[in-house]
């Protein structure tokens, strides 16, 4: 399985975690968000990726931290004072008019950039460890 698919599955699992954490059935969860139960089932089953509109609904309805949802960074729920950082607001403005496929491409790019940053940090730490042990 590719890294991208593993990351997508993590987001899908996080959607399930949100629903279970709220003790909601798929029906009640989907009703609260304005989506069909089948769509929720497809996301949780890994057959569909969360759309931009779905993620926006999670933010609006349940105050989900999108960094946590997409990347596993931070807490599940955003704090009231830092609900949507200005950078995220700018990102929402950019992607609002895009198709789900285009939004998926933007998310994939961000995930790739994040992975590159992690790899770069690991490489630099490895170089520092080699310099220390020499």
Protein backbone atom coordinates (compact mmCIF):
# COMPACT_ATOMS: atom_id res chain seq x y z
CA UNK A 1 0.00 0.00 0.00
CA UNK A 2 1.39 3.44 -0.91
CA UNK A 3 2.14 6.10 1.69
CA UNK A 4 -0.62 8.28 0.21
CA UNK A 5 -3.19 5.49 0.60
CA UNK A 6 -2.03 4.83 4.17
CA UNK A 7 -2.43 8.54 4.98
CA UNK A 8 -5.89 8.62 3.39
CA UNK A 9 -6.89 5.59 5.46
CA UNK A 10 -5.73 7.38 8.59
CA UNK A 11 -8.10 10.28 7.81
CA UNK A 12 -10.92 7.79 7.22
CA UNK A 13 -10.19 6.10 10.55
CA UNK A 14 -10.18 9.48 12.26
CA UNK A 15 -13.70 10.15 10.94
CA UNK A 16 -14.80 6.89 12.57
CA UNK A 17 -13.02 7.93 15.77
CA UNK A 18 -14.90 11.25 15.80
CA UNK A 19 -18.26 9.53 15.33
CA UNK A 20 -17.58 6.87 17.97
CA UNK A 21 -16.26 9.54 20.35
CA UNK A 22 -19.59 11.34 20.04
CA UNK A 23 -21.45 8.02 20.53
CA UNK A 24 -23.43 8.61 17.35
CA UNK A 25 -24.82 6.11 14.88
CA UNK A 26 -23.86 6.63 11.26
CA UNK A 27 -27.41 7.86 10.67
CA UNK A 28 -27.29 10.53 13.42
CA UNK A 29 -23.75 11.53 12.48
CA UNK A 30 -24.66 11.88 8.81
CA UNK A 31 -27.82 13.83 9.65
CA UNK A 32 -25.89 16.26 11.85
CA UNK A 33 -23.38 16.86 9.04
CA UNK A 34 -25.89 16.96 6.17
CA UNK A 35 -24.56 13.91 4.31
CA UNK A 36 -26.02 10.50 3.56
CA UNK A 37 -25.40 7.54 5.85
CA UNK A 38 -24.01 5.69 2.83
CA UNK A 39 -21.38 8.38 2.30
CA UNK A 40 -20.31 8.12 5.97
CA UNK A 41 -20.18 4.33 5.60
CA UNK A 42 -18.01 4.69 2.48
CA UNK A 43 -15.61 7.06 4.25
CA UNK A 44 -15.32 4.88 7.34
CA UNK A 45 -14.87 1.80 5.16
CA UNK A 46 -12.07 3.42 3.17
CA UNK A 47 -14.06 3.42 -0.08
CA UNK A 48 -14.29 7.23 -0.27
CA UNK A 49 -12.08 10.07 0.87
CA UNK A 50 -13.62 12.90 2.90
CA UNK A 51 -14.55 15.77 0.58
CA UNK A 52 -13.78 19.42 1.26
CA UNK A 53 -17.46 20.04 2.08
CA UNK A 54 -17.46 17.12 4.49
CA UNK A 55 -14.33 18.36 6.27
CA UNK A 56 -15.82 21.85 6.48
CA UNK A 57 -18.96 20.35 8.04
CA UNK A 58 -16.84 18.49 10.61
CA UNK A 59 -15.21 21.79 11.50
CA UNK A 60 -18.48 23.73 11.67
CA UNK A 61 -20.60 21.12 13.46
CA UNK A 62 -18.11 19.33 15.72
CA UNK A 63 -15.20 21.80 15.89
CA UNK A 64 -12.79 19.14 14.58
CA UNK A 65 -9.17 20.21 14.26
CA UNK A 66 -8.44 19.79 10.56
CA UNK A 67 -4.71 19.38 11.20
CA UNK A 68 -5.60 16.37 13.34
CA UNK A 69 -8.06 15.01 10.78
CA UNK A 70 -5.70 15.30 7.81
CA UNK A 71 -2.29 14.83 9.37
CA UNK A 72 -2.77 13.50 12.92
CA UNK A 73 -1.25 16.67 14.35
CA UNK A 74 -2.62 18.18 17.55
CA UNK A 75 -5.81 17.36 19.40
CA UNK A 76 -8.98 15.97 17.84
CA UNK A 77 -10.95 19.11 18.58
CA UNK A 78 -9.86 22.67 17.96
CA UNK A 79 -9.69 25.02 20.91
CA UNK A 80 -12.28 27.78 20.91
CA UNK A 81 -9.71 30.58 20.65
CA UNK A 82 -7.73 28.91 17.87
CA UNK A 83 -10.61 27.34 15.98
CA UNK A 84 -9.39 28.26 12.55
CA UNK A 85 -6.00 29.88 12.27
CA UNK A 86 -5.68 32.64 9.67
CA UNK A 87 -3.57 30.36 7.45
CA UNK A 88 -6.37 27.78 7.43
CA UNK A 89 -8.93 30.50 6.64
CA UNK A 90 -6.81 31.50 3.64
CA UNK A 91 -6.61 27.87 2.57
CA UNK A 92 -10.39 27.49 2.79
CA UNK A 93 -10.84 30.56 0.60
CA UNK A 94 -8.50 29.08 -1.99
CA UNK A 95 -10.11 25.64 -2.11
CA UNK A 96 -13.72 26.75 -1.78
CA UNK A 97 -14.24 27.01 -5.53
CA UNK A 98 -12.28 23.89 -6.42
CA UNK A 99 -13.73 20.51 -7.32
CA UNK A 100 -13.29 17.61 -4.90
CA UNK A 101 -10.59 16.22 -7.20
CA UNK A 102 -8.69 19.51 -7.13
CA UNK A 103 -9.03 19.71 -3.34
CA UNK A 104 -7.71 16.14 -3.10
CA UNK A 105 -4.68 17.22 -5.18
CA UNK A 106 -4.04 20.18 -2.83
CA UNK A 107 -4.28 17.89 0.21
CA UNK A 108 -1.97 15.34 -1.43
CA UNK A 109 0.55 18.11 -2.12
CA UNK A 110 0.39 19.27 1.52
CA UNK A 111 0.85 15.70 2.77
CA UNK A 112 3.80 15.18 0.44
CA UNK A 113 5.36 18.43 1.67
CA UNK A 114 4.82 17.35 5.27
CA UNK A 115 6.48 13.98 4.60
CA UNK A 116 9.42 15.74 2.93
CA UNK A 117 9.81 17.98 5.96
CA UNK A 118 9.86 14.94 8.26
CA UNK A 119 12.40 13.15 6.06
CA UNK A 120 14.57 16.26 5.90
CA UNK A 121 14.52 16.53 9.70
CA UNK A 122 15.42 12.84 10.04
CA UNK A 123 18.30 13.19 7.58
CA UNK A 124 19.62 16.28 9.36
CA UNK A 125 19.35 14.55 12.74
CA UNK A 126 21.21 11.56 11.31
CA UNK A 127 24.00 13.84 10.09
CA UNK A 128 24.23 15.48 13.52
CA UNK A 129 24.41 12.07 15.23
CA UNK A 130 27.21 10.99 12.85
CA UNK A 131 29.14 14.21 13.54
CA UNK A 132 28.78 13.72 17.30
CA UNK A 133 29.89 10.09 17.22
CA UNK A 134 32.91 10.79 14.97
